[in-house]
C-alpha cells in the first residue's frame, strides 16, 4: 500500500526542520531504526540546503514523500523561475557524497523546470 504526503514551506533555511520532522515521522511509522531515521533527517536537510542555494527567487521549498512497506521515496524541490540550465557538477559535491552514503539511491530531477533531488531509503532487512 502506497501513501503520499506533499508539503511546502517558505523557501528559507529556518523552515527545513518542518520537512525533516515529517520525513522522520513517516520513517518511524515504517519501523526504521533510530540510526536510519537520523540518516533520513540528514538527507532531507542536505538536499534542501543545496536546493535553496540554486534559485534565489524561490518562494517555496516542497517535499513529496511516498511510503511503501519498507521504503520511503522523497522528492525535494524549489519553485521560482524555471531553471535555464541543469546544475552542473552536482555529483562532485560533498552534498552528493553525503546523499549517497545516507540513502540507497539519489538523483537530480527536473520538476516542471524546477530543480529537485529525489532519494530512496529502505528499511534494512
PDB file of N, CA and C in Angstrom:
ATOM      1  N   UNK A   1       0.836  -1.175   0.000  1.00  0.00           N
ATOM      2  CA  UNK A   1       0.000   0.000   0.000  1.00  0.00           C
ATOM      3  C   UNK A   1       0.885   1.244   0.000  1.00  0.00           C
ATOM      4  N   UNK A   2       0.691   2.142  -0.945  1.00  0.00           N
ATOM      5  CA  UNK A   2       1.481   3.355  -1.055  1.00  0.00           C
ATOM      6  C   UNK A   2       0.722   4.537  -0.459  1.00  0.00           C
ATOM      7  N   UNK A   3       1.444   5.374   0.230  1.00  0.00           N
ATOM      8  CA  UNK A   3       0.885   6.604   0.792  1.00  0.00           C
ATOM      9  C   UNK A   3       1.747   7.760   0.334  1.00  0.00           C
ATOM     10  N   UNK A   4       1.119   8.889   0.045  1.00  0.00           N
ATOM     11  CA  UNK A   4       1.864  10.058  -0.400  1.00  0.00           C
ATOM     12  C   UNK A   4       1.531  11.257   0.464  1.00  0.00           C
ATOM     13  N   UNK A   5       2.566  11.984   0.853  1.00  0.00           N
ATOM     14  CA  UNK A   5       2.424  13.226   1.617  1.00  0.00           C
ATOM     15  C   UNK A   5       3.112  14.312   0.814  1.00  0.00           C
ATOM     16  N   UNK A   6       2.444  15.443   0.651  1.00  0.00           N
ATOM     17  CA  UNK A   6       3.034  16.603  -0.029  1.00  0.00           C
ATOM     18  C   UNK A   6       2.939  17.792   0.900  1.00  0.00           C
ATOM     19  N   UNK A   7       4.052  18.512   1.036  1.00  0.00           N
ATOM     20  CA  UNK A   7       4.009  19.724   1.837  1.00  0.00           C
ATOM     21  C   UNK A   7       4.992  20.734   1.294  1.00  0.00           C
ATOM     22  N   UNK A   8       4.678  21.989   1.532  1.00  0.00           N
ATOM     23  CA  UNK A   8       5.520  23.101   1.107  1.00  0.00           C
ATOM     24  C   UNK A   8       5.679  24.065   2.267  1.00  0.00           C
ATOM     25  N   UNK A   9       6.863  24.639   2.352  1.00  0.00           N
ATOM     26  CA  UNK A   9       7.169  25.647   3.357  1.00  0.00           C
ATOM     27  C   UNK A   9       7.830  26.807   2.629  1.00  0.00           C
ATOM     28  N   UNK A  10       7.918  27.982   3.274  1.00  0.00           N
ATOM     29  CA  UNK A  10       8.662  29.076   2.643  1.00  0.00           C
ATOM     30  C   UNK A  10      10.098  28.642   2.347  1.00  0.00           C
ATOM     31  N   UNK A  11      10.644  29.135   1.265  1.00  0.00           N
ATOM     32  CA  UNK A  11      11.985  28.748   0.825  1.00  0.00           C
ATOM     33  C   UNK A  11      13.045  29.450   1.661  1.00  0.00           C
ATOM     34  N   UNK A  12      13.104  29.071   2.916  1.00  0.00           N
ATOM     35  CA  UNK A  12      14.081  29.622   3.865  1.00  0.00           C
ATOM     36  C   UNK A  12      14.618  28.481   4.719  1.00  0.00           C
ATOM     37  N   UNK A  13      15.875  28.571   5.058  1.00  0.00           N
ATOM     38  CA  UNK A  13      16.535  27.510   5.825  1.00  0.00           C
ATOM     39  C   UNK A  13      15.868  27.259   7.171  1.00  0.00           C
ATOM     40  N   UNK A  14      15.278  28.286   7.758  1.00  0.00           N
ATOM     41  CA  UNK A  14      14.682  28.097   9.086  1.00  0.00           C
ATOM     42  C   UNK A  14      13.363  27.332   9.049  1.00  0.00           C
ATOM     43  N   UNK A  15      12.906  26.892   7.877  1.00  0.00           N
ATOM     44  CA  UNK A  15      11.706  26.064   7.776  1.00  0.00           C
ATOM     45  C   UNK A  15      12.018  24.609   7.406  1.00  0.00           C
ATOM     46  N   UNK A  16      13.272  24.308   7.128  1.00  0.00           N
ATOM     47  CA  UNK A  16      13.646  22.951   6.729  1.00  0.00           C
ATOM     48  C   UNK A  16      13.336  21.950   7.836  1.00  0.00           C
ATOM     49  N   UNK A  17      13.399  22.370   9.096  1.00  0.00           N
ATOM     50  CA  UNK A  17      13.129  21.449  10.202  1.00  0.00           C
ATOM     51  C   UNK A  17      11.727  20.845  10.123  1.00  0.00           C
ATOM     52  N   UNK A  18      10.789  21.558   9.541  1.00  0.00           N
ATOM     53  CA  UNK A  18       9.427  21.033   9.389  1.00  0.00           C
ATOM     54  C   UNK A  18       9.444  19.835   8.435  1.00  0.00           C
ATOM     55  N   UNK A  19      10.133  19.975   7.323  1.00  0.00           N
ATOM     56  CA  UNK A  19      10.223  18.897   6.339  1.00  0.00           C
ATOM     57  C   UNK A  19      10.963  17.694   6.924  1.00  0.00           C
ATOM     58  N   UNK A  20      12.045  17.975   7.642  1.00  0.00           N
ATOM     59  CA  UNK A  20      12.820  16.914   8.305  1.00  0.00           C
ATOM     60  C   UNK A  20      11.957  16.122   9.277  1.00  0.00           C
ATOM     61  N   UNK A  21      11.164  16.833  10.067  1.00  0.00           N
ATOM     62  CA  UNK A  21      10.321  16.180  11.074  1.00  0.00           C
ATOM     63  C   UNK A  21       9.249  15.292  10.453  1.00  0.00           C
ATOM     64  N   UNK A  22       8.637  15.770   9.382  1.00  0.00           N
ATOM     65  CA  UNK A  22       7.607  14.965   8.717  1.00  0.00           C
ATOM     66  C   UNK A  22       8.226  13.693   8.135  1.00  0.00           C
ATOM     67  N   UNK A  23       9.368  13.822   7.483  1.00  0.00           N
ATOM     68  CA  UNK A  23      10.035  12.643   6.915  1.00  0.00           C
ATOM     69  C   UNK A  23      10.402  11.652   8.026  1.00  0.00           C
ATOM     70  N   UNK A  24      10.888  12.145   9.136  1.00  0.00           N
ATOM     71  CA  UNK A  24      11.248  11.268  10.258  1.00  0.00           C
ATOM     72  C   UNK A  24      10.023  10.573  10.832  1.00  0.00           C
ATOM     73  N   UNK A  25       8.913  11.268  10.899  1.00  0.00           N
ATOM     74  CA  UNK A  25       7.681  10.661  11.416  1.00  0.00           C
ATOM     75  C   UNK A  25       7.205   9.522  10.520  1.00  0.00           C
ATOM     76  N   UNK A  26       7.292   9.734   9.214  1.00  0.00           N
ATOM     77  CA  UNK A  26       6.900   8.670   8.280  1.00  0.00           C
ATOM     78  C   UNK A  26       7.827   7.463   8.454  1.00  0.00           C
ATOM     79  N   UNK A  27       9.120   7.706   8.568  1.00  0.00           N
ATOM     80  CA  UNK A  27      10.079   6.608   8.744  1.00  0.00           C
ATOM     81  C   UNK A  27       9.836   5.863  10.050  1.00  0.00           C
ATOM     82  N   UNK A  28       9.514   6.578  11.104  1.00  0.00           N
ATOM     83  CA  UNK A  28       9.236   5.931  12.391  1.00  0.00           C
ATOM     84  C   UNK A  28       8.017   5.019  12.273  1.00  0.00           C
ATOM     85  N   UNK A  29       7.035   5.429  11.492  1.00  0.00           N
ATOM     86  CA  UNK A  29       5.845   4.611  11.287  1.00  0.00           C
ATOM     87  C   UNK A  29       6.115   3.340  10.498  1.00  0.00           C
ATOM     88  N   UNK A  30       7.239   3.325   9.778  1.00  0.00           N
ATOM     89  CA  UNK A  30       7.633   2.137   8.998  1.00  0.00           C
ATOM     90  C   UNK A  30       8.656   1.295   9.746  1.00  0.00           C
ATOM     91  N   UNK A  31       8.854   1.601  11.010  1.00  0.00           N
ATOM     92  CA  UNK A  31       9.798   0.858  11.852  1.00  0.00           C
ATOM     93  C   UNK A  31      11.249   0.979  11.415  1.00  0.00           C
ATOM     94  N   UNK A  32      11.628   2.142  10.888  1.00  0.00           N
ATOM     95  CA  UNK A  32      13.037   2.385  10.623  1.00  0.00           C
ATOM     96  C   UNK A  32      13.750   2.444  11.972  1.00  0.00           C
ATOM     97  N   UNK A  33      15.006   2.055  11.987  1.00  0.00           N
ATOM     98  CA  UNK A  33      15.797   2.153  13.221  1.00  0.00           C
ATOM     99  C   UNK A  33      16.086   3.623  13.511  1.00  0.00           C
ATOM    100  N   UNK A  34      16.497   3.893  14.734  1.00  0.00           N
ATOM    101  CA  UNK A  34      16.856   5.266  15.107  1.00  0.00           C
ATOM    102  C   UNK A  34      17.931   5.811  14.167  1.00  0.00           C
ATOM    103  N   UNK A  35      18.969   5.023  13.885  1.00  0.00           N
ATOM    104  CA  UNK A  35      20.047   5.472  13.008  1.00  0.00           C
ATOM    105  C   UNK A  35      19.552   5.753  11.591  1.00  0.00           C
ATOM    106  N   UNK A  36      18.659   4.913  11.070  1.00  0.00           N
ATOM    107  CA  UNK A  36      18.123   5.133   9.728  1.00  0.00           C
ATOM    108  C   UNK A  36      17.234   6.370   9.673  1.00  0.00           C
ATOM    109  N   UNK A  37      16.500   6.634  10.752  1.00  0.00           N
ATOM    110  CA  UNK A  37      15.686   7.856  10.813  1.00  0.00           C
ATOM    111  C   UNK A  37      16.596   9.078  10.820  1.00  0.00           C
ATOM    112  N   UNK A  38      17.681   9.012  11.570  1.00  0.00           N
ATOM    113  CA  UNK A  38      18.629  10.136  11.602  1.00  0.00           C
ATOM    114  C   UNK A  38      19.292  10.330  10.241  1.00  0.00           C
ATOM    115  N   UNK A  39      19.613   9.229   9.548  1.00  0.00           N
ATOM    116  CA  UNK A  39      20.165   9.336   8.193  1.00  0.00           C
ATOM    117  C   UNK A  39      19.172  10.026   7.260  1.00  0.00           C
ATOM    118  N   UNK A  40      17.899   9.668   7.374  1.00  0.00           N
ATOM    119  CA  UNK A  40      16.863  10.279   6.541  1.00  0.00           C
ATOM    120  C   UNK A  40      16.726  11.769   6.851  1.00  0.00           C
ATOM    121  N   UNK A  41      16.729  12.122   8.123  1.00  0.00           N
ATOM    122  CA  UNK A  41      16.670  13.543   8.509  1.00  0.00           C
ATOM    123  C   UNK A  41      17.819  14.326   7.886  1.00  0.00           C
ATOM    124  N   UNK A  42      19.014  13.774   7.997  1.00  0.00           N
ATOM    125  CA  UNK A  42      20.184  14.452   7.457  1.00  0.00           C
ATOM    126  C   UNK A  42      20.113  14.553   5.938  1.00  0.00           C
ATOM    127  N   UNK A  43      19.611  13.519   5.279  1.00  0.00           N
ATOM    128  CA  UNK A  43      19.467  13.558   3.823  1.00  0.00           C
ATOM    129  C   UNK A  43      18.496  14.662   3.399  1.00  0.00           C
ATOM    130  N   UNK A  44      17.370  14.790   4.103  1.00  0.00           N
ATOM    131  CA  UNK A  44      16.411  15.870   3.810  1.00  0.00           C
ATOM    132  C   UNK A  44      17.082  17.220   4.018  1.00  0.00           C
ATOM    133  N   UNK A  45      17.801  17.354   5.107  1.00  0.00           N
ATOM    134  CA  UNK A  45      18.484  18.607   5.437  1.00  0.00           C
ATOM    135  C   UNK A  45      19.484  18.992   4.341  1.00  0.00           C
ATOM    136  N   UNK A  46      20.322  18.056   3.937  1.00  0.00           N
ATOM    137  CA  UNK A  46      21.350  18.332   2.933  1.00  0.00           C
ATOM    138  C   UNK A  46      20.747  18.645   1.570  1.00  0.00           C
ATOM    139  N   UNK A  47      19.741  17.875   1.161  1.00  0.00           N
ATOM    140  CA  UNK A  47      19.104  18.120  -0.136  1.00  0.00           C
ATOM    141  C   UNK A  47      18.451  19.503  -0.160  1.00  0.00           C
ATOM    142  N   UNK A  48      17.734  19.829   0.888  1.00  0.00           N
ATOM    143  CA  UNK A  48      17.046  21.124   0.948  1.00  0.00           C
ATOM    144  C   UNK A  48      18.036  22.281   1.001  1.00  0.00           C
ATOM    145  N   UNK A  49      19.086  22.142   1.785  1.00  0.00           N
ATOM    146  CA  UNK A  49      20.093  23.206   1.876  1.00  0.00           C
ATOM    147  C   UNK A  49      20.721  23.458   0.508  1.00  0.00           C
ATOM    148  N   UNK A  50      21.011  22.392  -0.215  1.00  0.00           N
ATOM    149  CA  UNK A  50      21.583  22.548  -1.548  1.00  0.00           C
ATOM    150  C   UNK A  50      20.601  23.236  -2.487  1.00  0.00           C
ATOM    151  N   UNK A  51      19.347  22.789  -2.480  1.00  0.00           N
ATOM    152  CA  UNK A  51      18.345  23.356  -3.381  1.00  0.00           C
ATOM    153  C   UNK A  51      18.111  24.836  -3.107  1.00  0.00           C
ATOM    154  N   UNK A  52      18.173  25.229  -1.855  1.00  0.00           N
ATOM    155  CA  UNK A  52      17.951  26.639  -1.517  1.00  0.00           C
ATOM    156  C   UNK A  52      19.043  27.546  -2.078  1.00  0.00           C
ATOM    157  N   UNK A  53      20.195  26.997  -2.416  1.00  0.00           N
ATOM    158  CA  UNK A  53      21.272  27.811  -2.992  1.00  0.00           C
ATOM    159  C   UNK A  53      21.135  27.978  -4.496  1.00  0.00           C
ATOM    160  N   UNK A  54      20.245  27.213  -5.130  1.00  0.00           N
ATOM    161  CA  UNK A  54      20.167  27.211  -6.591  1.00  0.00           C
ATOM    162  C   UNK A  54      19.349  28.339  -7.182  1.00  0.00           C
ATOM    163  N   UNK A  55      18.253  28.722  -6.549  1.00  0.00           N
ATOM    164  CA  UNK A  55      17.374  29.734  -7.119  1.00  0.00           C
ATOM    165  C   UNK A  55      17.025  30.763  -6.057  1.00  0.00           C
ATOM    166  N   UNK A  56      17.582  31.958  -6.211  1.00  0.00           N
ATOM    167  CA  UNK A  56      17.379  32.998  -5.211  1.00  0.00           C
ATOM    168  C   UNK A  56      15.945  33.511  -5.159  1.00  0.00           C
ATOM    169  N   UNK A  57      15.194  33.369  -6.244  1.00  0.00           N
ATOM    170  CA  UNK A  57      13.831  33.902  -6.272  1.00  0.00           C
ATOM    171  C   UNK A  57      12.783  32.888  -5.809  1.00  0.00           C
ATOM    172  N   UNK A  58      13.212  31.752  -5.282  1.00  0.00           N
ATOM    173  CA  UNK A  58      12.262  30.724  -4.849  1.00  0.00           C
ATOM    174  C   UNK A  58      11.396  31.230  -3.713  1.00  0.00           C
ATOM    175  N   UNK A  59      10.118  30.903  -3.788  1.00  0.00           N
ATOM    176  CA  UNK A  59       9.179  31.259  -2.731  1.00  0.00           C
ATOM    177  C   UNK A  59       8.875  30.075  -1.830  1.00  0.00           C
ATOM    178  N   UNK A  60       8.909  28.863  -2.403  1.00  0.00           N
ATOM    179  CA  UNK A  60       8.588  27.699  -1.575  1.00  0.00           C
ATOM    180  C   UNK A  60       9.558  26.551  -1.824  1.00  0.00           C
ATOM    181  N   UNK A  61       9.723  25.783  -0.775  1.00  0.00           N
ATOM    182  CA  UNK A  61      10.509  24.561  -0.779  1.00  0.00           C
ATOM    183  C   UNK A  61       9.518  23.448  -0.508  1.00  0.00           C
ATOM    184  N   UNK A  62       9.466  22.471  -1.391  1.00  0.00           N
ATOM    185  CA  UNK A  62       8.442  21.434  -1.290  1.00  0.00           C
ATOM    186  C   UNK A  62       9.055  20.054  -1.147  1.00  0.00           C
ATOM    187  N   UNK A  63       8.260  19.171  -0.552  1.00  0.00           N
ATOM    188  CA  UNK A  63       8.689  17.799  -0.331  1.00  0.00           C
ATOM    189  C   UNK A  63       7.507  16.884  -0.609  1.00  0.00           C
ATOM    190  N   UNK A  64       7.755  15.836  -1.359  1.00  0.00           N
ATOM    191  CA  UNK A  64       6.782  14.769  -1.554  1.00  0.00           C
ATOM    192  C   UNK A  64       7.411  13.508  -0.987  1.00  0.00           C
ATOM    193  N   UNK A  65       6.665  12.837  -0.122  1.00  0.00           N
ATOM    194  CA  UNK A  65       7.140  11.601   0.491  1.00  0.00           C
ATOM    195  C   UNK A  65       6.157  10.501   0.133  1.00  0.00           C
ATOM    196  N   UNK A  66       6.649   9.476  -0.526  1.00  0.00           N
ATOM    197  CA  UNK A  66       5.836   8.297  -0.815  1.00  0.00           C
ATOM    198  C   UNK A  66       6.386   7.151   0.015  1.00  0.00           C
ATOM    199  N   UNK A  67       5.515   6.541   0.780  1.00  0.00           N
ATOM    200  CA  UNK A  67       5.962   5.431   1.614  1.00  0.00           C
ATOM    201  C   UNK A  67       5.267   4.151   1.191  1.00  0.00           C
ATOM    202  N   UNK A  68       6.040   3.116   1.163  1.00  0.00           N
ATOM    203  CA  UNK A  68       5.541   1.765   0.931  1.00  0.00           C
ATOM    204  C   UNK A  68       6.133   0.910   2.026  1.00  0.00           C
ATOM    205  N   UNK A  69       5.619  -0.261   2.171  1.00  0.00           N
ATOM    206  CA  UNK A  69       6.139  -1.159   3.194  1.00  0.00           C
ATOM    207  C   UNK A  69       7.647  -1.307   3.018  1.00  0.00           C
ATOM    208  N   UNK A  70       8.397  -0.773   3.948  1.00  0.00           N
ATOM    209  CA  UNK A  70       9.844  -0.953   3.938  1.00  0.00           C
ATOM    210  C   UNK A  70      10.654   0.085   3.202  1.00  0.00           C
ATOM    211  N   UNK A  71      10.040   1.123   2.633  1.00  0.00           N
ATOM    212  CA  UNK A  71      10.840   2.132   1.942  1.00  0.00           C
ATOM    213  C   UNK A  71      10.136   3.485   1.899  1.00  0.00           C
ATOM    214  N   UNK A  72      10.962   4.509   1.731  1.00  0.00           N
ATOM    215  CA  UNK A  72      10.478   5.884   1.589  1.00  0.00           C
ATOM    216  C   UNK A  72      11.146   6.480   0.362  1.00  0.00           C
ATOM    217  N   UNK A  73      10.351   7.105  -0.486  1.00  0.00           N
ATOM    218  CA  UNK A  73      10.823   7.811  -1.672  1.00  0.00           C
ATOM    219  C   UNK A  73      10.554   9.292  -1.424  1.00  0.00           C
ATOM    220  N   UNK A  74      11.607  10.117  -1.433  1.00  0.00           N
ATOM    221  CA  UNK A  74      11.485  11.536  -1.114  1.00  0.00           C
ATOM    222  C   UNK A  74      11.902  12.362  -2.321  1.00  0.00           C
ATOM    223  N   UNK A  75      11.094  13.354  -2.667  1.00  0.00           N
ATOM    224  CA  UNK A  75      11.434  14.323  -3.708  1.00  0.00           C
ATOM    225  C   UNK A  75      11.353  15.711  -3.099  1.00  0.00           C
ATOM    226  N   UNK A  76      12.462  16.428  -3.125  1.00  0.00           N
ATOM    227  CA  UNK A  76      12.516  17.810  -2.632  1.00  0.00           C
ATOM    228  C   UNK A  76      12.775  18.715  -3.832  1.00  0.00           C
ATOM    229  N   UNK A  77      12.092  19.874  -3.881  1.00  0.00           N
ATOM    230  CA  UNK A  77      12.317  20.820  -4.974  1.00  0.00           C
ATOM    231  C   UNK A  77      11.957  22.231  -4.531  1.00  0.00           C
ATOM    232  N   UNK A  78      12.482  23.202  -5.295  1.00  0.00           N
ATOM    233  CA  UNK A  78      12.178  24.608  -5.060  1.00  0.00           C
ATOM    234  C   UNK A  78      11.467  25.162  -6.282  1.00  0.00           C
ATOM    235  N   UNK A  79      10.623  26.172  -6.044  1.00  0.00           N
ATOM    236  CA  UNK A  79       9.924  26.802  -7.166  1.00  0.00           C
ATOM    237  C   UNK A  79      10.725  28.024  -7.609  1.00  0.00           C
ATOM    238  N   UNK A  80      10.066  29.006  -8.147  1.00  0.00           N
ATOM    239  CA  UNK A  80      10.743  30.185  -8.671  1.00  0.00           C
ATOM    240  C   UNK A  80      10.753  30.114 -10.178  1.00  0.00           C
ATOM    241  N   UNK A  81      11.518  30.986 -10.788  1.00  0.00           N
ATOM    242  CA  UNK A  81      11.622  30.953 -12.241  1.00  0.00           C
ATOM    243  C   UNK A  81      12.254  29.630 -12.646  1.00  0.00           C
ATOM    244  N   UNK A  82      11.696  28.995 -13.690  1.00  0.00           N
ATOM    245  CA  UNK A  82      12.293  27.729 -14.121  1.00  0.00           C
ATOM    246  C   UNK A  82      13.781  27.886 -14.404  1.00  0.00           C
ATOM    247  N   UNK A  83      14.533  26.894 -13.975  1.00  0.00           N
ATOM    248  CA  UNK A  83      15.979  26.909 -14.183  1.00  0.00           C
ATOM    249  C   UNK A  83      16.285  26.832 -15.672  1.00  0.00           C
ATOM    250  N   UNK A  84      17.190  27.683 -16.139  1.00  0.00           N
ATOM    251  CA  UNK A  84      17.556  27.677 -17.551  1.00  0.00           C
ATOM    252  C   UNK A  84      18.492  26.514 -17.863  1.00  0.00           C
ATOM    253  N   UNK A  85      19.298  26.150 -16.888  1.00  0.00           N
ATOM    254  CA  UNK A  85      20.212  25.034 -17.085  1.00  0.00           C
ATOM    255  C   UNK A  85      20.193  24.140 -15.857  1.00  0.00           C
ATOM    256  N   UNK A  86      20.479  22.906 -16.100  1.00  0.00           N
ATOM    257  CA  UNK A  86      20.577  21.935 -15.019  1.00  0.00           C
ATOM    258  C   UNK A  86      21.853  22.222 -14.228  1.00  0.00           C
ATOM    259  N   UNK A  87      21.794  22.147 -12.890  1.00  0.00           N
ATOM    260  CA  UNK A  87      23.020  22.365 -12.119  1.00  0.00           C
ATOM    261  C   UNK A  87      24.102  21.392 -12.575  1.00  0.00           C
ATOM    262  N   UNK A  88      25.300  21.905 -12.745  1.00  0.00           N
ATOM    263  CA  UNK A  88      26.393  21.041 -13.172  1.00  0.00           C
ATOM    264  C   UNK A  88      27.301  20.755 -11.993  1.00  0.00           C
ATOM    265  N   UNK A  89      27.961  19.652 -12.048  1.00  0.00           N
ATOM    266  CA  UNK A  89      28.907  19.297 -11.010  1.00  0.00           C
ATOM    267  C   UNK A  89      28.278  18.808  -9.725  1.00  0.00           C
ATOM    268  N   UNK A  90      26.973  18.524  -9.738  1.00  0.00           N
ATOM    269  CA  UNK A  90      26.289  18.106  -8.520  1.00  0.00           C
ATOM    270  C   UNK A  90      26.902  16.828  -7.959  1.00  0.00           C
ATOM    271  N   UNK A  91      27.235  15.879  -8.828  1.00  0.00           N
ATOM    272  CA  UNK A  91      27.775  14.611  -8.357  1.00  0.00           C
ATOM    273  C   UNK A  91      29.158  14.762  -7.730  1.00  0.00           C
ATOM    274  N   UNK A  92      29.828  15.875  -7.944  1.00  0.00           N
ATOM    275  CA  UNK A  92      31.158  16.080  -7.377  1.00  0.00           C
ATOM    276  C   UNK A  92      31.109  16.808  -6.032  1.00  0.00           C
ATOM    277  N   UNK A  93      29.938  17.172  -5.571  1.00  0.00           N
ATOM    278  CA  UNK A  93      29.840  17.941  -4.335  1.00  0.00           C
ATOM    279  C   UNK A  93      29.802  17.049  -3.100  1.00  0.00           C
ATOM    280  N   UNK A  94      30.145  17.636  -1.976  1.00  0.00           N
ATOM    281  CA  UNK A  94      30.065  16.934  -0.696  1.00  0.00           C
ATOM    282  C   UNK A  94      28.623  16.516  -0.438  1.00  0.00           C
ATOM    283  N   UNK A  95      27.665  17.369  -0.803  1.00  0.00           N
ATOM    284  CA  UNK A  95      26.246  17.055  -0.604  1.00  0.00           C
ATOM    285  C   UNK A  95      25.908  15.743  -1.300  1.00  0.00           C
ATOM    286  N   UNK A  96      26.369  15.585  -2.521  1.00  0.00           N
ATOM    287  CA  UNK A  96      26.038  14.379  -3.274  1.00  0.00           C
ATOM    288  C   UNK A  96      26.654  13.138  -2.639  1.00  0.00           C
ATOM    289  N   UNK A  97      27.876  13.272  -2.145  1.00  0.00           N
ATOM    290  CA  UNK A  97      28.526  12.142  -1.470  1.00  0.00           C
ATOM    291  C   UNK A  97      27.780  11.786  -0.186  1.00  0.00           C
ATOM    292  N   UNK A  98      27.312  12.797   0.544  1.00  0.00           N
ATOM    293  CA  UNK A  98      26.516  12.535   1.749  1.00  0.00           C
ATOM    294  C   UNK A  98      25.213  11.821   1.401  1.00  0.00           C
ATOM    295  N   UNK A  99      24.517  12.313   0.385  1.00  0.00           N
ATOM    296  CA  UNK A  99      23.265  11.669  -0.009  1.00  0.00           C
ATOM    297  C   UNK A  99      23.493  10.219  -0.422  1.00  0.00           C
ATOM    298  N   UNK A 100      24.596   9.965  -1.090  1.00  0.00           N
ATOM    299  CA  UNK A 100      24.922   8.598  -1.480  1.00  0.00           C
ATOM    300  C   UNK A 100      25.181   7.701  -0.279  1.00  0.00           C
ATOM    301  N   UNK A 101      25.777   8.258   0.756  1.00  0.00           N
ATOM    302  CA  UNK A 101      26.067   7.476   1.959  1.00  0.00           C
ATOM    303  C   UNK A 101      24.841   7.299   2.851  1.00  0.00           C
ATOM    304  N   UNK A 102      23.937   8.262   2.833  1.00  0.00           N
ATOM    305  CA  UNK A 102      22.783   8.250   3.743  1.00  0.00           C
ATOM    306  C   UNK A 102      21.561   7.543   3.179  1.00  0.00           C
ATOM    307  N   UNK A 103      21.510   7.376   1.855  1.00  0.00           N
ATOM    308  CA  UNK A 103      20.324   6.803   1.216  1.00  0.00           C
ATOM    309  C   UNK A 103      20.728   5.620   0.337  1.00  0.00           C
ATOM    310  N   UNK A 104      19.735   4.914  -0.172  1.00  0.00           N
ATOM    311  CA  UNK A 104      20.008   3.790  -1.068  1.00  0.00           C
ATOM    312  C   UNK A 104      20.158   4.232  -2.516  1.00  0.00           C
ATOM    313  N   UNK A 105      19.576   5.383  -2.848  1.00  0.00           N
ATOM    314  CA  UNK A 105      19.633   5.895  -4.221  1.00  0.00           C
ATOM    315  C   UNK A 105      19.321   7.384  -4.170  1.00  0.00           C
ATOM    316  N   UNK A 106      20.047   8.179  -4.962  1.00  0.00           N
ATOM    317  CA  UNK A 106      19.779   9.612  -5.040  1.00  0.00           C
ATOM    318  C   UNK A 106      20.035  10.079  -6.465  1.00  0.00           C
ATOM    319  N   UNK A 107      19.217  11.035  -6.908  1.00  0.00           N
ATOM    320  CA  UNK A 107      19.412  11.579  -8.252  1.00  0.00           C
ATOM    321  C   UNK A 107      18.806  12.981  -8.346  1.00  0.00           C
ATOM    322  N   UNK A 108      19.353  13.764  -9.272  1.00  0.00           N
ATOM    323  CA  UNK A 108      18.804  15.074  -9.576  1.00  0.00           C
ATOM    324  C   UNK A 108      17.587  14.873 -10.463  1.00  0.00           C
ATOM    325  N   UNK A 109      16.538  15.691 -10.254  1.00  0.00           N
ATOM    326  CA  UNK A 109      15.357  15.631 -11.109  1.00  0.00           C
ATOM    327  C   UNK A 109      14.903  17.027 -11.472  1.00  0.00           C
ATOM    328  N   UNK A 110      14.413  17.150 -12.680  1.00  0.00           N
ATOM    329  CA  UNK A 110      13.778  18.382 -13.141  1.00  0.00           C
ATOM    330  C   UNK A 110      12.288  18.228 -12.833  1.00  0.00           C
ATOM    331  N   UNK A 111      11.751  19.105 -12.003  1.00  0.00           N
ATOM    332  CA  UNK A 111      10.341  19.038 -11.618  1.00  0.00           C
ATOM    333  C   UNK A 111       9.635  20.240 -12.233  1.00  0.00           C
ATOM    334  N   UNK A 112       9.068  20.044 -13.403  1.00  0.00           N
ATOM    335  CA  UNK A 112       8.409  21.125 -14.150  1.00  0.00           C
ATOM    336  C   UNK A 112       9.331  22.326 -14.326  1.00  0.00           C
ATOM    337  N   UNK A 113      10.584  22.074 -14.655  1.00  0.00           N
ATOM    338  CA  UNK A 113      11.541  23.142 -14.885  1.00  0.00           C
ATOM    339  C   UNK A 113      12.222  23.640 -13.627  1.00  0.00           C
ATOM    340  N   UNK A 114      11.896  23.070 -12.497  1.00  0.00           N
ATOM    341  CA  UNK A 114      12.493  23.483 -11.228  1.00  0.00           C
ATOM    342  C   UNK A 114      13.437  22.390 -10.742  1.00  0.00           C
ATOM    343  N   UNK A 115      14.543  22.779 -10.109  1.00  0.00           N
ATOM    344  CA  UNK A 115      15.486  21.768  -9.651  1.00  0.00           C
ATOM    345  C   UNK A 115      14.947  20.958  -8.479  1.00  0.00           C
ATOM    346  N   UNK A 116      15.217  19.667  -8.515  1.00  0.00           N
ATOM    347  CA  UNK A 116      14.786  18.793  -7.435  1.00  0.00           C
ATOM    348  C   UNK A 116      15.780  17.678  -7.212  1.00  0.00           C
ATOM    349  N   UNK A 117      15.706  17.084  -6.040  1.00  0.00           N
ATOM    350  CA  UNK A 117      16.530  15.930  -5.701  1.00  0.00           C
ATOM    351  C   UNK A 117      15.606  14.853  -5.158  1.00  0.00           C
ATOM    352  N   UNK A 118      15.720  13.663  -5.727  1.00  0.00           N
ATOM    353  CA  UNK A 118      14.927  12.514  -5.280  1.00  0.00           C
ATOM    354  C   UNK A 118      15.870  11.504  -4.648  1.00  0.00           C
ATOM    355  N   UNK A 119      15.443  10.951  -3.514  1.00  0.00           N
ATOM    356  CA  UNK A 119      16.213   9.878  -2.921  1.00  0.00           C
ATOM    357  C   UNK A 119      15.303   8.836  -2.298  1.00  0.00           C
ATOM    358  N   UNK A 120      15.834   7.633  -2.192  1.00  0.00           N
ATOM    359  CA  UNK A 120      15.105   6.472  -1.716  1.00  0.00           C
ATOM    360  C   UNK A 120      15.858   5.887  -0.531  1.00  0.00           C
ATOM    361  N   UNK A 121      15.106   5.533   0.501  1.00  0.00           N
ATOM    362  CA  UNK A 121      15.687   4.905   1.700  1.00  0.00           C
ATOM    363  C   UNK A 121      14.869   3.658   2.022  1.00  0.00           C
ATOM    364  N   UNK A 122      15.572   2.514   2.173  1.00  0.00           N
ATOM    365  CA  UNK A 122      14.929   1.249   2.511  1.00  0.00           C
ATOM    366  C   UNK A 122      15.150   0.913   3.977  1.00  0.00           C
ATOM    367  N   UNK A 123      14.197   0.213   4.564  1.00  0.00           N
ATOM    368  CA  UNK A 123      14.401  -0.350   5.889  1.00  0.00           C
ATOM    369  C   UNK A 123      15.337  -1.541   5.713  1.00  0.00           C
ATOM    370  N   UNK A 124      16.442  -1.588   6.438  1.00  0.00           N
ATOM    371  CA  UNK A 124      17.336  -2.740   6.300  1.00  0.00           C
ATOM    372  C   UNK A 124      16.623  -4.036   6.706  1.00  0.00           C
ATOM    373  N   UNK A 125      16.940  -5.104   6.004  1.00  0.00           N
ATOM    374  CA  UNK A 125      16.290  -6.401   6.297  1.00  0.00           C
ATOM    375  C   UNK A 125      16.736  -6.933   7.644  1.00  0.00           C
TER     376      UNK A 125
END
